[in-house]
Amino acid sequence: MIFCAIIGFLDPLTLFGLFAVTAMLVCYALENRSHWFVLGFAFACALGSIYGFLQGAWPFGAVEAVWAVVAARRWWLKKRSMSPPE
């Protein structure tokens, strides 16, 4: 009930940012379980970057974009190290 009341006061952009940051937190916490969580973290960072630019906080957007690239590279390296040798 209280959660619904709080959500009712938030605009769509703020809800988008809340979703992005929550997804980042969850995926970061679960990164050791699967390389897919590393990819999820990269995607959530990209969403956070979009949120930052849309809200007008371009430094936040730029930093999140860099984190998205770093996380995507970590996912690629982790995925490649898990695949069987040819």
PDB file of N, CA and C in Angstrom:
ATOM      1  N   MET A   1       0.825  -1.191   0.000  1.00  0.00           N
ATOM      2  CA  MET A   1       0.000   0.000   0.000  1.00  0.00           C
ATOM      3  C   MET A   1       0.871   1.258   0.000  1.00  0.00           C
ATOM      4  N   ILE A   2       1.853   1.310   0.899  1.00  0.00           N
ATOM      5  CA  ILE A   2       2.736   2.472   0.956  1.00  0.00           C
ATOM      6  C   ILE A   2       3.573   2.539  -0.314  1.00  0.00           C
ATOM      7  N   PHE A   3       4.034   1.365  -0.794  1.00  0.00           N
ATOM      8  CA  PHE A   3       4.835   1.332  -2.021  1.00  0.00           C
ATOM      9  C   PHE A   3       4.063   1.922  -3.191  1.00  0.00           C
ATOM     10  N   CYS A   4       2.791   1.567  -3.333  1.00  0.00           N
ATOM     11  CA  CYS A   4       1.957   2.093  -4.415  1.00  0.00           C
ATOM     12  C   CYS A   4       1.790   3.600  -4.286  1.00  0.00           C
ATOM     13  N   ALA A   5       1.673   4.105  -3.062  1.00  0.00           N
ATOM     14  CA  ALA A   5       1.538   5.547  -2.858  1.00  0.00           C
ATOM     15  C   ALA A   5       2.819   6.269  -3.252  1.00  0.00           C
ATOM     16  N   ILE A   6       3.953   5.684  -2.942  1.00  0.00           N
ATOM     17  CA  ILE A   6       5.236   6.303  -3.312  1.00  0.00           C
ATOM     18  C   ILE A   6       5.399   6.289  -4.824  1.00  0.00           C
ATOM     19  N   ILE A   7       5.096   5.180  -5.464  1.00  0.00           N
ATOM     20  CA  ILE A   7       5.217   5.069  -6.919  1.00  0.00           C
ATOM     21  C   ILE A   7       4.308   6.085  -7.609  1.00  0.00           C
ATOM     22  N   GLY A   8       3.136   6.342  -7.039  1.00  0.00           N
ATOM     23  CA  GLY A   8       2.203   7.299  -7.629  1.00  0.00           C
ATOM     24  C   GLY A   8       2.759   8.705  -7.699  1.00  0.00           C
ATOM     25  N   PHE A   9       3.704   9.056  -6.833  1.00  0.00           N
ATOM     26  CA  PHE A   9       4.283  10.393  -6.822  1.00  0.00           C
ATOM     27  C   PHE A   9       5.473  10.544  -7.759  1.00  0.00           C
ATOM     28  N   LEU A  10       5.954   9.453  -8.306  1.00  0.00           N
ATOM     29  CA  LEU A  10       7.144   9.499  -9.156  1.00  0.00           C
ATOM     30  C   LEU A  10       6.741   9.618 -10.620  1.00  0.00           C
ATOM     31  N   ASP A  11       7.476  10.450 -11.339  1.00  0.00           N
ATOM     32  CA  ASP A  11       7.204  10.582 -12.774  1.00  0.00           C
ATOM     33  C   ASP A  11       7.854   9.413 -13.529  1.00  0.00           C
ATOM     34  N   PRO A  12       7.462   9.194 -14.790  1.00  0.00           N
ATOM     35  CA  PRO A  12       7.985   8.040 -15.544  1.00  0.00           C
ATOM     36  C   PRO A  12       9.513   8.027 -15.669  1.00  0.00           C
ATOM     37  N   LEU A  13      10.132   9.184 -15.811  1.00  0.00           N
ATOM     38  CA  LEU A  13      11.591   9.218 -15.937  1.00  0.00           C
ATOM     39  C   LEU A  13      12.256   8.755 -14.642  1.00  0.00           C
ATOM     40  N   THR A  14      11.723   9.174 -13.514  1.00  0.00           N
ATOM     41  CA  THR A  14      12.270   8.744 -12.228  1.00  0.00           C
ATOM     42  C   THR A  14      12.077   7.246 -12.026  1.00  0.00           C
ATOM     43  N   LEU A  15      10.942   6.736 -12.419  1.00  0.00           N
ATOM     44  CA  LEU A  15      10.702   5.287 -12.330  1.00  0.00           C
ATOM     45  C   LEU A  15      11.678   4.522 -13.218  1.00  0.00           C
ATOM     46  N   PHE A  16      11.952   5.050 -14.403  1.00  0.00           N
ATOM     47  CA  PHE A  16      12.930   4.436 -15.301  1.00  0.00           C
ATOM     48  C   PHE A  16      14.303   4.399 -14.637  1.00  0.00           C
ATOM     49  N   GLY A  17      14.707   5.496 -14.018  1.00  0.00           N
ATOM     50  CA  GLY A  17      15.986   5.545 -13.317  1.00  0.00           C
ATOM     51  C   GLY A  17      16.037   4.588 -12.145  1.00  0.00           C
ATOM     52  N   LEU A  18      14.932   4.501 -11.410  1.00  0.00           N
ATOM     53  CA  LEU A  18      14.858   3.567 -10.289  1.00  0.00           C
ATOM     54  C   LEU A  18      15.004   2.126 -10.770  1.00  0.00           C
ATOM     55  N   PHE A  19      14.351   1.803 -11.877  1.00  0.00           N
ATOM     56  CA  PHE A  19      14.474   0.462 -12.452  1.00  0.00           C
ATOM     57  C   PHE A  19      15.917   0.186 -12.871  1.00  0.00           C
ATOM     58  N   ALA A  20      16.553   1.146 -13.546  1.00  0.00           N
ATOM     59  CA  ALA A  20      17.925   0.957 -14.035  1.00  0.00           C
ATOM     60  C   ALA A  20      18.894   0.719 -12.881  1.00  0.00           C
ATOM     61  N   VAL A  21      18.802   1.540 -11.853  1.00  0.00           N
ATOM     62  CA  VAL A  21      19.726   1.413 -10.723  1.00  0.00           C
ATOM     63  C   VAL A  21      19.455   0.125  -9.934  1.00  0.00           C
ATOM     64  N   THR A  22      18.194  -0.247  -9.778  1.00  0.00           N
ATOM     65  CA  THR A  22      17.871  -1.493  -9.091  1.00  0.00           C
ATOM     66  C   THR A  22      18.404  -2.697  -9.875  1.00  0.00           C
ATOM     67  N   ALA A  23      18.248  -2.666 -11.197  1.00  0.00           N
ATOM     68  CA  ALA A  23      18.773  -3.752 -12.035  1.00  0.00           C
ATOM     69  C   ALA A  23      20.292  -3.828 -11.933  1.00  0.00           C
ATOM     70  N   MET A  24      20.954  -2.669 -11.896  1.00  0.00           N
ATOM     71  CA  MET A  24      22.414  -2.664 -11.734  1.00  0.00           C
ATOM     72  C   MET A  24      22.813  -3.329 -10.423  1.00  0.00           C
ATOM     73  N   LEU A  25      22.135  -2.971  -9.351  1.00  0.00           N
ATOM     74  CA  LEU A  25      22.459  -3.509  -8.032  1.00  0.00           C
ATOM     75  C   LEU A  25      22.261  -5.026  -7.986  1.00  0.00           C
ATOM     76  N   VAL A  26      21.137  -5.491  -8.501  1.00  0.00           N
ATOM     77  CA  VAL A  26      20.843  -6.928  -8.475  1.00  0.00           C
ATOM     78  C   VAL A  26      21.846  -7.705  -9.329  1.00  0.00           C
ATOM     79  N   CYS A  27      22.083  -7.225 -10.541  1.00  0.00           N
ATOM     80  CA  CYS A  27      23.012  -7.931 -11.435  1.00  0.00           C
ATOM     81  C   CYS A  27      24.434  -7.921 -10.887  1.00  0.00           C
ATOM     82  N   TYR A  28      24.845  -6.799 -10.304  1.00  0.00           N
ATOM     83  CA  TYR A  28      26.190  -6.724  -9.727  1.00  0.00           C
ATOM     84  C   TYR A  28      26.336  -7.722  -8.582  1.00  0.00           C
ATOM     85  N   ALA A  29      25.304  -7.835  -7.757  1.00  0.00           N
ATOM     86  CA  ALA A  29      25.358  -8.753  -6.617  1.00  0.00           C
ATOM     87  C   ALA A  29      25.422 -10.209  -7.068  1.00  0.00           C
ATOM     88  N   LEU A  30      24.873 -10.510  -8.243  1.00  0.00           N
ATOM     89  CA  LEU A  30      24.804 -11.895  -8.716  1.00  0.00           C
ATOM     90  C   LEU A  30      25.828 -12.231  -9.808  1.00  0.00           C
ATOM     91  N   GLU A  31      26.763 -11.336 -10.076  1.00  0.00           N
ATOM     92  CA  GLU A  31      27.728 -11.546 -11.161  1.00  0.00           C
ATOM     93  C   GLU A  31      28.503 -12.848 -11.055  1.00  0.00           C
ATOM     94  N   ASN A  32      28.807 -13.291  -9.861  1.00  0.00           N
ATOM     95  CA  ASN A  32      29.612 -14.512  -9.702  1.00  0.00           C
ATOM     96  C   ASN A  32      28.837 -15.780 -10.039  1.00  0.00           C
ATOM     97  N   ARG A  33      27.527 -15.686 -10.136  1.00  0.00           N
ATOM     98  CA  ARG A  33      26.711 -16.874 -10.419  1.00  0.00           C
ATOM     99  C   ARG A  33      26.680 -17.252 -11.892  1.00  0.00           C
ATOM    100  N   SER A  34      26.743 -16.250 -12.764  1.00  0.00           N
ATOM    101  CA  SER A  34      26.654 -16.532 -14.198  1.00  0.00           C
ATOM    102  C   SER A  34      27.175 -15.340 -14.994  1.00  0.00           C
ATOM    103  N   HIS A  35      27.736 -15.641 -16.157  1.00  0.00           N
ATOM    104  CA  HIS A  35      28.193 -14.545 -17.014  1.00  0.00           C
ATOM    105  C   HIS A  35      27.021 -13.724 -17.546  1.00  0.00           C
ATOM    106  N   TRP A  36      25.812 -14.285 -17.500  1.00  0.00           N
ATOM    107  CA  TRP A  36      24.636 -13.545 -17.956  1.00  0.00           C
ATOM    108  C   TRP A  36      24.322 -12.367 -17.038  1.00  0.00           C
ATOM    109  N   PHE A  37      24.663 -12.476 -15.760  1.00  0.00           N
ATOM    110  CA  PHE A  37      24.458 -11.348 -14.853  1.00  0.00           C
ATOM    111  C   PHE A  37      25.447 -10.224 -15.155  1.00  0.00           C
ATOM    112  N   VAL A  38      26.616 -10.564 -15.649  1.00  0.00           N
ATOM    113  CA  VAL A  38      27.567  -9.536 -16.073  1.00  0.00           C
ATOM    114  C   VAL A  38      26.997  -8.781 -17.278  1.00  0.00           C
ATOM    115  N   LEU A  39      26.407  -9.523 -18.209  1.00  0.00           N
ATOM    116  CA  LEU A  39      25.761  -8.876 -19.352  1.00  0.00           C
ATOM    117  C   LEU A  39      24.561  -8.043 -18.892  1.00  0.00           C
ATOM    118  N   GLY A  40      23.799  -8.560 -17.946  1.00  0.00           N
ATOM    119  CA  GLY A  40      22.684  -7.799 -17.394  1.00  0.00           C
ATOM    120  C   GLY A  40      23.156  -6.512 -16.737  1.00  0.00           C
ATOM    121  N   PHE A  41      24.291  -6.571 -16.047  1.00  0.00           N
ATOM    122  CA  PHE A  41      24.869  -5.372 -15.438  1.00  0.00           C
ATOM    123  C   PHE A  41      25.249  -4.364 -16.516  1.00  0.00           C
ATOM    124  N   ALA A  42      25.832  -4.835 -17.605  1.00  0.00           N
ATOM    125  CA  ALA A  42      26.199  -3.936 -18.703  1.00  0.00           C
ATOM    126  C   ALA A  42      24.957  -3.268 -19.293  1.00  0.00           C
ATOM    127  N   PHE A  43      23.908  -4.049 -19.493  1.00  0.00           N
ATOM    128  CA  PHE A  43      22.663  -3.507 -20.027  1.00  0.00           C
ATOM    129  C   PHE A  43      22.049  -2.498 -19.058  1.00  0.00           C
ATOM    130  N   ALA A  44      22.067  -2.822 -17.766  1.00  0.00           N
ATOM    131  CA  ALA A  44      21.524  -1.899 -16.763  1.00  0.00           C
ATOM    132  C   ALA A  44      22.341  -0.608 -16.704  1.00  0.00           C
ATOM    133  N   CYS A  45      23.652  -0.702 -16.877  1.00  0.00           N
ATOM    134  CA  CYS A  45      24.482   0.503 -16.931  1.00  0.00           C
ATOM    135  C   CYS A  45      24.127   1.355 -18.145  1.00  0.00           C
ATOM    136  N   ALA A  46      23.848   0.701 -19.268  1.00  0.00           N
ATOM    137  CA  ALA A  46      23.414   1.444 -20.461  1.00  0.00           C
ATOM    138  C   ALA A  46      22.094   2.153 -20.192  1.00  0.00           C
ATOM    139  N   LEU A  47      21.178   1.474 -19.514  1.00  0.00           N
ATOM    140  CA  LEU A  47      19.909   2.115 -19.145  1.00  0.00           C
ATOM    141  C   LEU A  47      20.156   3.294 -18.200  1.00  0.00           C
ATOM    142  N   GLY A  48      21.070   3.115 -17.257  1.00  0.00           N
ATOM    143  CA  GLY A  48      21.423   4.203 -16.348  1.00  0.00           C
ATOM    144  C   GLY A  48      22.026   5.382 -17.088  1.00  0.00           C
ATOM    145  N   SER A  49      22.805   5.097 -18.111  1.00  0.00           N
ATOM    146  CA  SER A  49      23.383   6.159 -18.933  1.00  0.00           C
ATOM    147  C   SER A  49      22.293   6.931 -19.667  1.00  0.00           C
ATOM    148  N   ILE A  50      21.361   6.203 -20.239  1.00  0.00           N
ATOM    149  CA  ILE A  50      20.234   6.854 -20.930  1.00  0.00           C
ATOM    150  C   ILE A  50      19.464   7.728 -19.948  1.00  0.00           C
ATOM    151  N   TYR A  51      19.222   7.202 -18.770  1.00  0.00           N
ATOM    152  CA  TYR A  51      18.522   7.968 -17.742  1.00  0.00           C
ATOM    153  C   TYR A  51      19.285   9.253 -17.405  1.00  0.00           C
ATOM    154  N   GLY A  52      20.580   9.143 -17.215  1.00  0.00           N
ATOM    155  CA  GLY A  52      21.388  10.314 -16.878  1.00  0.00           C
ATOM    156  C   GLY A  52      21.301  11.398 -17.940  1.00  0.00           C
ATOM    157  N   PHE A  53      21.412  11.005 -19.194  1.00  0.00           N
ATOM    158  CA  PHE A  53      21.322  11.994 -20.271  1.00  0.00           C
ATOM    159  C   PHE A  53      19.920  12.582 -20.382  1.00  0.00           C
ATOM    160  N   LEU A  54      18.899  11.754 -20.231  1.00  0.00           N
ATOM    161  CA  LEU A  54      17.520  12.256 -20.325  1.00  0.00           C
ATOM    162  C   LEU A  54      17.170  13.229 -19.207  1.00  0.00           C
ATOM    163  N   GLN A  55      17.711  13.007 -18.030  1.00  0.00           N
ATOM    164  CA  GLN A  55      17.402  13.891 -16.915  1.00  0.00           C
ATOM    165  C   GLN A  55      18.266  15.152 -16.931  1.00  0.00           C
ATOM    166  N   GLY A  56      19.294  15.169 -17.760  1.00  0.00           N
ATOM    167  CA  GLY A  56      20.149  16.348 -17.870  1.00  0.00           C
ATOM    168  C   GLY A  56      21.432  16.270 -17.069  1.00  0.00           C
ATOM    169  N   ALA A  57      21.704  15.139 -16.464  1.00  0.00           N
ATOM    170  CA  ALA A  57      22.943  14.952 -15.703  1.00  0.00           C
ATOM    171  C   ALA A  57      23.945  14.236 -16.593  1.00  0.00           C
ATOM    172  N   TRP A  58      24.494  14.962 -17.568  1.00  0.00           N
ATOM    173  CA  TRP A  58      25.356  14.329 -18.562  1.00  0.00           C
ATOM    174  C   TRP A  58      26.608  13.689 -17.965  1.00  0.00           C
ATOM    175  N   PRO A  59      27.208  14.231 -16.868  1.00  0.00           N
ATOM    176  CA  PRO A  59      28.370  13.506 -16.311  1.00  0.00           C
ATOM    177  C   PRO A  59      27.989  12.102 -15.831  1.00  0.00           C
ATOM    178  N   PHE A  60      26.835  11.970 -15.194  1.00  0.00           N
ATOM    179  CA  PHE A  60      26.356  10.658 -14.759  1.00  0.00           C
ATOM    180  C   PHE A  60      26.133   9.756 -15.967  1.00  0.00           C
ATOM    181  N   GLY A  61      25.509  10.308 -17.007  1.00  0.00           N
ATOM    182  CA  GLY A  61      25.267   9.539 -18.230  1.00  0.00           C
ATOM    183  C   GLY A  61      26.551   9.068 -18.876  1.00  0.00           C
ATOM    184  N   ALA A  62      27.557   9.942 -18.881  1.00  0.00           N
ATOM    185  CA  ALA A  62      28.840   9.585 -19.503  1.00  0.00           C
ATOM    186  C   ALA A  62      29.551   8.488 -18.706  1.00  0.00           C
ATOM    187  N   VAL A  63      29.553   8.609 -17.386  1.00  0.00           N
ATOM    188  CA  VAL A  63      30.222   7.613 -16.548  1.00  0.00           C
ATOM    189  C   VAL A  63      29.522   6.259 -16.668  1.00  0.00           C
ATOM    190  N   GLU A  64      28.202   6.266 -16.684  1.00  0.00           N
ATOM    191  CA  GLU A  64      27.460   5.008 -16.833  1.00  0.00           C
ATOM    192  C   GLU A  64      27.708   4.381 -18.202  1.00  0.00           C
ATOM    193  N   ALA A  65      27.888   5.206 -19.229  1.00  0.00           N
ATOM    194  CA  ALA A  65      28.192   4.672 -20.564  1.00  0.00           C
ATOM    195  C   ALA A  65      29.552   3.963 -20.545  1.00  0.00           C
ATOM    196  N   VAL A  66      30.522   4.557 -19.865  1.00  0.00           N
ATOM    197  CA  VAL A  66      31.841   3.917 -19.742  1.00  0.00           C
ATOM    198  C   VAL A  66      31.715   2.600 -18.980  1.00  0.00           C
ATOM    199  N   TRP A  67      30.950   2.597 -17.876  1.00  0.00           N
ATOM    200  CA  TRP A  67      30.739   1.366 -17.115  1.00  0.00           C
ATOM    201  C   TRP A  67      30.070   0.298 -17.960  1.00  0.00           C
ATOM    202  N   ALA A  68      29.146   0.713 -18.822  1.00  0.00           N
ATOM    203  CA  ALA A  68      28.470  -0.258 -19.693  1.00  0.00           C
ATOM    204  C   ALA A  68      29.471  -0.927 -20.626  1.00  0.00           C
ATOM    205  N   VAL A  69      30.387  -0.145 -21.181  1.00  0.00           N
ATOM    206  CA  VAL A  69      31.401  -0.705 -22.080  1.00  0.00           C
ATOM    207  C   VAL A  69      32.344  -1.625 -21.307  1.00  0.00           C
ATOM    208  N   VAL A  70      32.765  -1.197 -20.139  1.00  0.00           N
ATOM    209  CA  VAL A  70      33.661  -2.019 -19.317  1.00  0.00           C
ATOM    210  C   VAL A  70      32.987  -3.342 -18.951  1.00  0.00           C
ATOM    211  N   ALA A  71      31.729  -3.283 -18.542  1.00  0.00           N
ATOM    212  CA  ALA A  71      31.008  -4.498 -18.158  1.00  0.00           C
ATOM    213  C   ALA A  71      30.772  -5.403 -19.365  1.00  0.00           C
ATOM    214  N   ALA A  72      30.473  -4.827 -20.518  1.00  0.00           N
ATOM    215  CA  ALA A  72      30.282  -5.640 -21.727  1.00  0.00           C
ATOM    216  C   ALA A  72      31.578  -6.361 -22.090  1.00  0.00           C
ATOM    217  N   ARG A  73      32.703  -5.680 -21.930  1.00  0.00           N
ATOM    218  CA  ARG A  73      33.996  -6.315 -22.205  1.00  0.00           C
ATOM    219  C   ARG A  73      34.264  -7.443 -21.207  1.00  0.00           C
ATOM    220  N   ARG A  74      33.936  -7.202 -19.923  1.00  0.00           N
ATOM    221  CA  ARG A  74      34.095  -8.252 -18.913  1.00  0.00           C
ATOM    222  C   ARG A  74      33.230  -9.456 -19.249  1.00  0.00           C
ATOM    223  N   TRP A  75      32.006  -9.199 -19.715  1.00  0.00           N
ATOM    224  CA  TRP A  75      31.120 -10.306 -20.104  1.00  0.00           C
ATOM    225  C   TRP A  75      31.745 -11.082 -21.257  1.00  0.00           C
ATOM    226  N   TRP A  76      32.238 -10.381 -22.269  1.00  0.00           N
ATOM    227  CA  TRP A  76      32.827 -11.029 -23.443  1.00  0.00           C
ATOM    228  C   TRP A  76      34.013 -11.894 -23.031  1.00  0.00           C
ATOM    229  N   LEU A  77      34.886 -11.358 -22.197  1.00  0.00           N
ATOM    230  CA  LEU A  77      36.060 -12.112 -21.765  1.00  0.00           C
ATOM    231  C   LEU A  77      35.668 -13.310 -20.908  1.00  0.00           C
ATOM    232  N   LYS A  78      34.690 -13.124 -20.032  1.00  0.00           N
ATOM    233  CA  LYS A  78      34.258 -14.228 -19.171  1.00  0.00           C
ATOM    234  C   LYS A  78      33.577 -15.317 -19.991  1.00  0.00           C
ATOM    235  N   LYS A  79      32.761 -14.909 -20.945  1.00  0.00           N
ATOM    236  CA  LYS A  79      32.059 -15.877 -21.822  1.00  0.00           C
ATOM    237  C   LYS A  79      33.080 -16.650 -22.657  1.00  0.00           C
ATOM    238  N   ARG A  80      34.062 -15.919 -23.202  1.00  0.00           N
ATOM    239  CA  ARG A  80      35.072 -16.549 -24.059  1.00  0.00           C
ATOM    240  C   ARG A  80      35.931 -17.537 -23.246  1.00  0.00           C
ATOM    241  N   SER A  81      36.220 -17.202 -22.004  1.00  0.00           N
ATOM    242  CA  SER A  81      37.043 -18.110 -21.187  1.00  0.00           C
ATOM    243  C   SER A  81      36.270 -19.360 -20.776  1.00  0.00           C
ATOM    244  N   MET A  82      34.939 -19.289 -20.802  1.00  0.00           N
ATOM    245  CA  MET A  82      34.123 -20.455 -20.450  1.00  0.00           C
ATOM    246  C   MET A  82      33.876 -21.388 -21.608  1.00  0.00           C
ATOM    247  N   SER A  83      34.057 -20.926 -22.835  1.00  0.00           N
ATOM    248  CA  SER A  83      33.777 -21.775 -23.994  1.00  0.00           C
ATOM    249  C   SER A  83      34.893 -22.811 -24.170  1.00  0.00           C
ATOM    250  N   PRO A  84      34.557 -23.998 -24.670  1.00  0.00           N
ATOM    251  CA  PRO A  84      35.569 -25.042 -24.830  1.00  0.00           C
ATOM    252  C   PRO A  84      36.584 -24.663 -25.916  1.00  0.00           C
ATOM    253  N   PRO A  85      37.833 -25.040 -25.722  1.00  0.00           N
ATOM    254  CA  PRO A  85      38.856 -24.751 -26.734  1.00  0.00           C
ATOM    255  C   PRO A  85      38.590 -25.519 -28.029  1.00  0.00           C
ATOM    256  N   GLU A  86      39.012 -24.920 -29.110  1.00  0.00           N
ATOM    257  CA  GLU A  86      38.799 -25.558 -30.433  1.00  0.00           C
ATOM    258  C   GLU A  86      39.925 -26.481 -30.787  1.00  0.00           C
TER     259      GLU A  86
END
